[in-house]
């Protein structure tokens, strides 16, 4: 998946917007981007999942980082998510964490994630391929031929490449 933008902030904002749309389409509520919590901790994505349990509603908080870097993410970004998740779990222990890495993660992060996942099922890494599949399902991203046709119709130019 490729996110086009003028600056890194522009690319990040587009990815966060896409993630927000996909989460909303999946039924998550109170989905927000660039959310600042106590201590000045900024989270790229926050949301909640509500599950009905007989007469009550169980709320699961979700926090995440979304990175549209041109290369696989390295340990510092992984550690940043884990730190933010730890802080959130101090006040809401059921919080789920997700790292959206548009171009995947490097081997060190993958190994760390595999080890952590054995003991903590509430942490996930989503790569660009997974996100693209979910974005197609929610209608946020069109197939290439549909996008080409729309561009040609709007700009009266043929797309090459």
C-alpha atoms as a PDB file:
ATOM      1  CA  UNK A   1       0.000   0.000   0.000  1.00  0.00           C
ATOM      2  CA  UNK A   2       1.252   3.472  -0.850  1.00  0.00           C
ATOM      3  CA  UNK A   3       0.183   6.670   0.892  1.00  0.00           C
ATOM      4  CA  UNK A   4       0.928   9.778  -1.137  1.00  0.00           C
ATOM      5  CA  UNK A   5       1.575  13.050   0.605  1.00  0.00           C
ATOM      6  CA  UNK A   6       3.724  16.157   0.531  1.00  0.00           C
ATOM      7  CA  UNK A   7       5.142  15.771   4.041  1.00  0.00           C
ATOM      8  CA  UNK A   8       5.534  12.985   6.593  1.00  0.00           C
ATOM      9  CA  UNK A   9       2.780  14.634   8.657  1.00  0.00           C
ATOM     10  CA  UNK A  10       0.469  14.604   5.628  1.00  0.00           C
ATOM     11  CA  UNK A  11       1.105  10.896   5.019  1.00  0.00           C
ATOM     12  CA  UNK A  12       0.585  10.131   8.702  1.00  0.00           C
ATOM     13  CA  UNK A  13      -2.685  12.064   8.792  1.00  0.00           C
ATOM     14  CA  UNK A  14      -3.950  10.181   5.736  1.00  0.00           C
ATOM     15  CA  UNK A  15      -3.072   6.812   7.285  1.00  0.00           C
ATOM     16  CA  UNK A  16      -4.714   7.789  10.580  1.00  0.00           C
ATOM     17  CA  UNK A  17      -7.836   8.870   8.696  1.00  0.00           C
ATOM     18  CA  UNK A  18      -7.948   5.543   6.849  1.00  0.00           C
ATOM     19  CA  UNK A  19      -7.546   3.595  10.100  1.00  0.00           C
ATOM     20  CA  UNK A  20     -10.281   5.699  11.699  1.00  0.00           C
ATOM     21  CA  UNK A  21     -12.640   4.920   8.822  1.00  0.00           C
ATOM     22  CA  UNK A  22     -11.902   1.191   8.948  1.00  0.00           C
ATOM     23  CA  UNK A  23     -12.376   1.022  12.729  1.00  0.00           C
ATOM     24  CA  UNK A  24     -15.658   2.930  12.451  1.00  0.00           C
ATOM     25  CA  UNK A  25     -16.849   0.614   9.673  1.00  0.00           C
ATOM     26  CA  UNK A  26     -16.066  -2.355  11.926  1.00  0.00           C
ATOM     27  CA  UNK A  27     -18.379  -0.932  14.589  1.00  0.00           C
ATOM     28  CA  UNK A  28     -15.869   0.632  16.967  1.00  0.00           C
ATOM     29  CA  UNK A  29     -17.068   3.781  18.718  1.00  0.00           C
ATOM     30  CA  UNK A  30     -15.516   7.043  19.867  1.00  0.00           C
ATOM     31  CA  UNK A  31     -12.741   6.663  17.282  1.00  0.00           C
ATOM     32  CA  UNK A  32     -10.360   9.613  17.383  1.00  0.00           C
ATOM     33  CA  UNK A  33      -6.959  10.496  15.976  1.00  0.00           C
ATOM     34  CA  UNK A  34      -4.095  12.460  17.549  1.00  0.00           C
ATOM     35  CA  UNK A  35      -5.580  12.128  21.000  1.00  0.00           C
ATOM     36  CA  UNK A  36      -3.565  13.615  23.866  1.00  0.00           C
ATOM     37  CA  UNK A  37      -3.926  11.915  27.254  1.00  0.00           C
ATOM     38  CA  UNK A  38      -2.645  12.780  30.723  1.00  0.00           C
ATOM     39  CA  UNK A  39       1.033  13.603  30.804  1.00  0.00           C
ATOM     40  CA  UNK A  40       1.025  14.880  27.229  1.00  0.00           C
ATOM     41  CA  UNK A  41       1.122  11.373  25.784  1.00  0.00           C
ATOM     42  CA  UNK A  42      -0.173  11.573  22.190  1.00  0.00           C
ATOM     43  CA  UNK A  43      -1.860   8.547  20.658  1.00  0.00           C
ATOM     44  CA  UNK A  44      -2.338   8.324  16.888  1.00  0.00           C
ATOM     45  CA  UNK A  45      -5.563   6.317  17.263  1.00  0.00           C
ATOM     46  CA  UNK A  46      -7.951   5.704  20.152  1.00  0.00           C
ATOM     47  CA  UNK A  47     -11.265   3.879  20.027  1.00  0.00           C
ATOM     48  CA  UNK A  48     -13.554   1.700  22.061  1.00  0.00           C
ATOM     49  CA  UNK A  49     -15.188  -1.621  21.326  1.00  0.00           C
ATOM     50  CA  UNK A  50     -18.528  -2.204  23.011  1.00  0.00           C
ATOM     51  CA  UNK A  51     -19.791  -5.731  23.623  1.00  0.00           C
ATOM     52  CA  UNK A  52     -23.221  -6.520  25.004  1.00  0.00           C
ATOM     53  CA  UNK A  53     -23.238  -8.968  27.885  1.00  0.00           C
ATOM     54  CA  UNK A  54     -26.812  -9.697  28.898  1.00  0.00           C
ATOM     55  CA  UNK A  55     -27.948  -6.439  30.509  1.00  0.00           C
ATOM     56  CA  UNK A  56     -24.593  -4.646  30.519  1.00  0.00           C
ATOM     57  CA  UNK A  57     -22.151  -3.240  28.010  1.00  0.00           C
ATOM     58  CA  UNK A  58     -18.488  -4.145  28.303  1.00  0.00           C
ATOM     59  CA  UNK A  59     -16.160  -1.447  26.937  1.00  0.00           C
ATOM     60  CA  UNK A  60     -12.681  -2.322  25.698  1.00  0.00           C
ATOM     61  CA  UNK A  61     -10.384   0.684  25.132  1.00  0.00           C
ATOM     62  CA  UNK A  62      -8.077   0.569  22.098  1.00  0.00           C
ATOM     63  CA  UNK A  63      -4.919   2.636  21.654  1.00  0.00           C
ATOM     64  CA  UNK A  64      -2.676   2.608  18.645  1.00  0.00           C
ATOM     65  CA  UNK A  65       0.138   4.071  16.669  1.00  0.00           C
ATOM     66  CA  UNK A  66      -0.100   4.351  12.872  1.00  0.00           C
ATOM     67  CA  UNK A  67       3.140   4.772  10.939  1.00  0.00           C
ATOM     68  CA  UNK A  68       3.354   5.370   7.180  1.00  0.00           C
ATOM     69  CA  UNK A  69       7.136   5.103   6.941  1.00  0.00           C
ATOM     70  CA  UNK A  70       8.765   3.993   3.690  1.00  0.00           C
ATOM     71  CA  UNK A  71      10.624   1.154   5.422  1.00  0.00           C
ATOM     72  CA  UNK A  72       9.818  -1.440   8.098  1.00  0.00           C
ATOM     73  CA  UNK A  73       9.490  -0.090  11.622  1.00  0.00           C
ATOM     74  CA  UNK A  74      12.310  -0.568  14.103  1.00  0.00           C
ATOM     75  CA  UNK A  75      12.447  -1.201  17.840  1.00  0.00           C
ATOM     76  CA  UNK A  76      12.135   2.445  19.030  1.00  0.00           C
ATOM     77  CA  UNK A  77       8.630   2.780  17.495  1.00  0.00           C
ATOM     78  CA  UNK A  78       7.630  -0.615  18.898  1.00  0.00           C
ATOM     79  CA  UNK A  79       8.892   0.382  22.331  1.00  0.00           C
ATOM     80  CA  UNK A  80       7.006   3.686  22.076  1.00  0.00           C
ATOM     81  CA  UNK A  81       3.712   1.833  21.523  1.00  0.00           C
ATOM     82  CA  UNK A  82       4.439  -0.568  24.383  1.00  0.00           C
ATOM     83  CA  UNK A  83       5.222   2.349  26.713  1.00  0.00           C
ATOM     84  CA  UNK A  84       2.016   4.161  25.789  1.00  0.00           C
ATOM     85  CA  UNK A  85       0.038   0.941  26.223  1.00  0.00           C
ATOM     86  CA  UNK A  86       1.568   0.361  29.662  1.00  0.00           C
ATOM     87  CA  UNK A  87       0.585   3.870  30.759  1.00  0.00           C
ATOM     88  CA  UNK A  88      -2.987   3.385  29.529  1.00  0.00           C
ATOM     89  CA  UNK A  89      -3.267  -0.024  31.200  1.00  0.00           C
ATOM     90  CA  UNK A  90      -2.309   1.528  34.528  1.00  0.00           C
ATOM     91  CA  UNK A  91      -5.722   3.208  34.606  1.00  0.00           C
ATOM     92  CA  UNK A  92      -7.751   0.893  32.336  1.00  0.00           C
ATOM     93  CA  UNK A  93      -6.257  -2.597  32.514  1.00  0.00           C
ATOM     94  CA  UNK A  94      -8.338  -4.012  29.643  1.00  0.00           C
ATOM     95  CA  UNK A  95      -6.810  -1.641  27.076  1.00  0.00           C
ATOM     96  CA  UNK A  96      -5.796  -3.220  23.771  1.00  0.00           C
ATOM     97  CA  UNK A  97      -2.791  -1.925  21.806  1.00  0.00           C
ATOM     98  CA  UNK A  98      -2.219  -1.942  18.059  1.00  0.00           C
ATOM     99  CA  UNK A  99       0.718  -0.858  15.922  1.00  0.00           C
ATOM    100  CA  UNK A 100      -0.229  -0.138  12.305  1.00  0.00           C
ATOM    101  CA  UNK A 101       2.971  -0.328  10.276  1.00  0.00           C
ATOM    102  CA  UNK A 102       2.257   0.463   6.633  1.00  0.00           C
ATOM    103  CA  UNK A 103       5.471  -1.220   5.452  1.00  0.00           C
ATOM    104  CA  UNK A 104       5.692  -3.855   8.155  1.00  0.00           C
ATOM    105  CA  UNK A 105       8.274  -4.265  10.897  1.00  0.00           C
ATOM    106  CA  UNK A 106      11.873  -5.417  10.929  1.00  0.00           C
ATOM    107  CA  UNK A 107      13.034  -8.779  12.270  1.00  0.00           C
ATOM    108  CA  UNK A 108      13.802  -7.507  15.747  1.00  0.00           C
ATOM    109  CA  UNK A 109      10.303  -6.120  16.174  1.00  0.00           C
ATOM    110  CA  UNK A 110       8.756  -9.265  14.678  1.00  0.00           C
ATOM    111  CA  UNK A 111      10.681 -11.429  17.146  1.00  0.00           C
ATOM    112  CA  UNK A 112       9.774  -9.243  20.106  1.00  0.00           C
ATOM    113  CA  UNK A 113       6.113  -9.259  19.037  1.00  0.00           C
ATOM    114  CA  UNK A 114       6.061 -13.054  18.654  1.00  0.00           C
ATOM    115  CA  UNK A 115       7.453 -13.505  22.155  1.00  0.00           C
ATOM    116  CA  UNK A 116       5.057 -10.965  23.700  1.00  0.00           C
ATOM    117  CA  UNK A 117       2.029 -12.367  21.853  1.00  0.00           C
ATOM    118  CA  UNK A 118       2.475 -15.695  23.682  1.00  0.00           C
ATOM    119  CA  UNK A 119       1.613 -13.942  26.960  1.00  0.00           C
ATOM    120  CA  UNK A 120      -0.448 -10.929  25.868  1.00  0.00           C
ATOM    121  CA  UNK A 121      -3.155 -11.449  23.269  1.00  0.00           C
ATOM    122  CA  UNK A 122      -4.238  -7.804  23.546  1.00  0.00           C
ATOM    123  CA  UNK A 123      -1.327  -6.453  21.490  1.00  0.00           C
ATOM    124  CA  UNK A 124      -1.340  -6.543  17.679  1.00  0.00           C
ATOM    125  CA  UNK A 125       0.736  -5.459  14.712  1.00  0.00           C
ATOM    126  CA  UNK A 126      -1.125  -4.737  11.489  1.00  0.00           C
ATOM    127  CA  UNK A 127       0.836  -4.229   8.275  1.00  0.00           C
ATOM    128  CA  UNK A 128      -0.124  -2.463   5.066  1.00  0.00           C
ATOM    129  CA  UNK A 129      -1.385  -5.634   3.390  1.00  0.00           C
ATOM    130  CA  UNK A 130      -3.785  -6.388   6.239  1.00  0.00           C
ATOM    131  CA  UNK A 131      -4.949  -2.773   6.350  1.00  0.00           C
ATOM    132  CA  UNK A 132      -5.479  -2.706   2.581  1.00  0.00           C
ATOM    133  CA  UNK A 133      -7.649  -5.825   2.781  1.00  0.00           C
ATOM    134  CA  UNK A 134      -9.774  -4.281   5.544  1.00  0.00           C
ATOM    135  CA  UNK A 135      -9.966  -0.937   3.706  1.00  0.00           C
ATOM    136  CA  UNK A 136     -11.256  -2.739   0.594  1.00  0.00           C
ATOM    137  CA  UNK A 137     -13.884  -4.497   2.699  1.00  0.00           C
ATOM    138  CA  UNK A 138     -15.081  -1.208   4.228  1.00  0.00           C
ATOM    139  CA  UNK A 139     -15.108   0.589   0.857  1.00  0.00           C
ATOM    140  CA  UNK A 140     -12.398   3.088   1.815  1.00  0.00           C
ATOM    141  CA  UNK A 141     -10.075   1.924  -0.968  1.00  0.00           C
ATOM    142  CA  UNK A 142     -11.115   1.077  -4.506  1.00  0.00           C
ATOM    143  CA  UNK A 143      -9.594  -1.482  -6.857  1.00  0.00           C
ATOM    144  CA  UNK A 144      -6.907  -0.152  -9.187  1.00  0.00           C
ATOM    145  CA  UNK A 145      -9.113  -0.207 -12.291  1.00  0.00           C
ATOM    146  CA  UNK A 146     -11.878   1.721 -10.499  1.00  0.00           C
ATOM    147  CA  UNK A 147      -9.358   4.310  -9.257  1.00  0.00           C
ATOM    148  CA  UNK A 148      -7.846   4.685 -12.740  1.00  0.00           C
ATOM    149  CA  UNK A 149     -11.288   5.223 -14.276  1.00  0.00           C
ATOM    150  CA  UNK A 150     -12.203   7.818 -11.653  1.00  0.00           C
ATOM    151  CA  UNK A 151      -8.933   9.710 -12.166  1.00  0.00           C
ATOM    152  CA  UNK A 152      -9.346   9.642 -15.930  1.00  0.00           C
ATOM    153  CA  UNK A 153     -12.934  10.869 -15.683  1.00  0.00           C
ATOM    154  CA  UNK A 154     -12.132  13.673 -13.220  1.00  0.00           C
ATOM    155  CA  UNK A 155      -8.879  14.953 -14.684  1.00  0.00           C
ATOM    156  CA  UNK A 156      -9.321  13.958 -18.354  1.00  0.00           C
ATOM    157  CA  UNK A 157      -5.879  12.349 -18.322  1.00  0.00           C
ATOM    158  CA  UNK A 158      -4.790   8.771 -18.684  1.00  0.00           C
ATOM    159  CA  UNK A 159      -2.966   7.152 -15.779  1.00  0.00           C
ATOM    160  CA  UNK A 160       0.292   5.439 -16.733  1.00  0.00           C
ATOM    161  CA  UNK A 161       2.304   2.892 -14.822  1.00  0.00           C
END
